[in-house]
Amino acid sequence: MTSLDQLIDQVEAAIAAHHRGETAPFSARLLGAVHEELDHMRTSDAFDPTYARFVLDWPDASSALGKALMDAAYARHKALRRHG
């Protein structure tokens, strides 16, 4: 599984690609929101991200980045349910 820091790097790279006018998964706006939630996940063990429901609405959900984002959200949700 991709580490949280690696995932944040991938999201930042996709945002940068959008800003350069290059093709990248999702939209810069969605990726910005996802980035905020990933940062929150990094600083709080109790934060359960909500971005997954929005990621699933995009055709890019099946991309490598989409799968990594969904895996991270699922793993966090599962961990919180085990400890909550």
C-alpha atoms as a PDB file:
ATOM      1  CA  MET A   1       0.000   0.000   0.000  1.00  0.00           C
ATOM      2  CA  THR A   2       1.104   3.548  -0.692  1.00  0.00           C
ATOM      3  CA  SER A   3       2.205   5.490   2.388  1.00  0.00           C
ATOM      4  CA  LEU A   4       0.314   8.647   3.278  1.00  0.00           C
ATOM      5  CA  ASP A   5       3.337  10.804   2.440  1.00  0.00           C
ATOM      6  CA  GLN A   6       3.701   9.121  -0.956  1.00  0.00           C
ATOM      7  CA  LEU A   7       0.012   9.630  -1.621  1.00  0.00           C
ATOM      8  CA  ILE A   8       0.266  13.307  -0.740  1.00  0.00           C
ATOM      9  CA  ASP A   9       3.228  13.594  -3.141  1.00  0.00           C
ATOM     10  CA  GLN A  10       1.149  11.977  -5.902  1.00  0.00           C
ATOM     11  CA  VAL A  11      -1.757  14.348  -5.293  1.00  0.00           C
ATOM     12  CA  GLU A  12       0.603  17.339  -5.323  1.00  0.00           C
ATOM     13  CA  ALA A  13       2.112  16.122  -8.605  1.00  0.00           C
ATOM     14  CA  ALA A  14      -1.355  15.812 -10.164  1.00  0.00           C
ATOM     15  CA  ILE A  15      -2.287  19.314  -8.963  1.00  0.00           C
ATOM     16  CA  ALA A  16       0.946  20.684 -10.437  1.00  0.00           C
ATOM     17  CA  ALA A  17       0.218  18.924 -13.743  1.00  0.00           C
ATOM     18  CA  HIS A  18      -3.212  20.576 -13.873  1.00  0.00           C
ATOM     19  CA  HIS A  19      -1.625  23.978 -13.244  1.00  0.00           C
ATOM     20  CA  ARG A  20       0.803  23.371 -16.114  1.00  0.00           C
ATOM     21  CA  GLY A  21      -2.128  22.521 -18.382  1.00  0.00           C
ATOM     22  CA  GLU A  22      -1.176  18.859 -18.612  1.00  0.00           C
ATOM     23  CA  THR A  23      -3.519  15.904 -18.435  1.00  0.00           C
ATOM     24  CA  ALA A  24      -3.936  14.604 -14.898  1.00  0.00           C
ATOM     25  CA  PRO A  25      -6.580  12.567 -13.086  1.00  0.00           C
ATOM     26  CA  PHE A  26      -9.529  14.249 -11.393  1.00  0.00           C
ATOM     27  CA  SER A  27      -9.725  18.046 -11.224  1.00  0.00           C
ATOM     28  CA  ALA A  28      -7.381  20.452  -9.488  1.00  0.00           C
ATOM     29  CA  ARG A  29     -10.260  21.515  -7.236  1.00  0.00           C
ATOM     30  CA  LEU A  30     -11.092  17.961  -6.134  1.00  0.00           C
ATOM     31  CA  LEU A  31      -7.416  17.179  -5.638  1.00  0.00           C
ATOM     32  CA  GLY A  32      -7.049  20.292  -3.484  1.00  0.00           C
ATOM     33  CA  ALA A  33      -9.852  19.094  -1.225  1.00  0.00           C
ATOM     34  CA  VAL A  34      -8.352  15.601  -1.108  1.00  0.00           C
ATOM     35  CA  HIS A  35      -4.957  17.102  -0.228  1.00  0.00           C
ATOM     36  CA  GLU A  36      -6.497  18.932   2.741  1.00  0.00           C
ATOM     37  CA  GLU A  37      -8.033  15.708   4.016  1.00  0.00           C
ATOM     38  CA  LEU A  38      -4.782  13.780   3.553  1.00  0.00           C
ATOM     39  CA  ASP A  39      -2.957  16.464   5.546  1.00  0.00           C
ATOM     40  CA  HIS A  40      -5.604  16.152   8.254  1.00  0.00           C
ATOM     41  CA  MET A  41      -5.133  12.372   8.245  1.00  0.00           C
ATOM     42  CA  ARG A  42      -1.409  12.916   8.723  1.00  0.00           C
ATOM     43  CA  THR A  43      -1.940  15.069  11.815  1.00  0.00           C
ATOM     44  CA  SER A  44      -4.889  13.264  13.404  1.00  0.00           C
ATOM     45  CA  ASP A  45      -5.204   9.541  13.974  1.00  0.00           C
ATOM     46  CA  ALA A  46      -8.915  10.043  14.639  1.00  0.00           C
ATOM     47  CA  PHE A  47      -9.788  11.763  11.335  1.00  0.00           C
ATOM     48  CA  ASP A  48     -11.998   9.746   8.989  1.00  0.00           C
ATOM     49  CA  PRO A  49     -11.756  11.220   5.478  1.00  0.00           C
ATOM     50  CA  THR A  50     -14.857  11.922   3.403  1.00  0.00           C
ATOM     51  CA  TYR A  51     -13.197  12.390   0.012  1.00  0.00           C
ATOM     52  CA  ALA A  52     -13.856   8.789  -1.055  1.00  0.00           C
ATOM     53  CA  ARG A  53     -17.493   9.426  -1.959  1.00  0.00           C
ATOM     54  CA  PHE A  54     -16.434  12.240  -4.307  1.00  0.00           C
ATOM     55  CA  VAL A  55     -13.555  10.297  -5.854  1.00  0.00           C
ATOM     56  CA  LEU A  56     -15.948   7.473  -6.730  1.00  0.00           C
ATOM     57  CA  ASP A  57     -18.020   9.884  -8.844  1.00  0.00           C
ATOM     58  CA  TRP A  58     -15.134  10.348 -11.289  1.00  0.00           C
ATOM     59  CA  PRO A  59     -14.156   8.005 -14.120  1.00  0.00           C
ATOM     60  CA  ASP A  60     -10.576   8.475 -12.847  1.00  0.00           C
ATOM     61  CA  ALA A  61     -11.477   6.445  -9.746  1.00  0.00           C
ATOM     62  CA  SER A  62     -10.048   3.397 -11.495  1.00  0.00           C
ATOM     63  CA  SER A  63      -6.700   5.104 -12.167  1.00  0.00           C
ATOM     64  CA  ALA A  64      -3.642   4.256 -10.061  1.00  0.00           C
ATOM     65  CA  LEU A  65      -4.109   7.445  -8.034  1.00  0.00           C
ATOM     66  CA  GLY A  66      -7.825   6.771  -7.629  1.00  0.00           C
ATOM     67  CA  LYS A  67      -7.195   3.265  -6.364  1.00  0.00           C
ATOM     68  CA  ALA A  68      -4.509   4.482  -3.946  1.00  0.00           C
ATOM     69  CA  LEU A  69      -6.832   7.185  -2.606  1.00  0.00           C
ATOM     70  CA  MET A  70      -9.642   4.686  -2.113  1.00  0.00           C
ATOM     71  CA  ASP A  71      -7.322   2.174  -0.437  1.00  0.00           C
ATOM     72  CA  ALA A  72      -6.082   4.836   2.003  1.00  0.00           C
ATOM     73  CA  ALA A  73      -9.604   5.998   2.863  1.00  0.00           C
ATOM     74  CA  TYR A  74     -10.803   2.414   3.339  1.00  0.00           C
ATOM     75  CA  ALA A  75      -7.808   1.503   5.506  1.00  0.00           C
ATOM     76  CA  ARG A  76      -8.332   4.564   7.722  1.00  0.00           C
ATOM     77  CA  HIS A  77     -12.063   3.923   8.067  1.00  0.00           C
ATOM     78  CA  LYS A  78     -11.446   0.263   8.905  1.00  0.00           C
ATOM     79  CA  ALA A  79      -8.777   1.179  11.486  1.00  0.00           C
ATOM     80  CA  LEU A  80     -11.081   3.687  13.158  1.00  0.00           C
ATOM     81  CA  ARG A  81     -13.920   1.155  13.358  1.00  0.00           C
ATOM     82  CA  ARG A  82     -11.563  -1.365  15.002  1.00  0.00           C
ATOM     83  CA  HIS A  83     -10.433   1.129  17.632  1.00  0.00           C
ATOM     84  CA  GLY A  84     -13.692   3.033  18.071  1.00  0.00           C
END
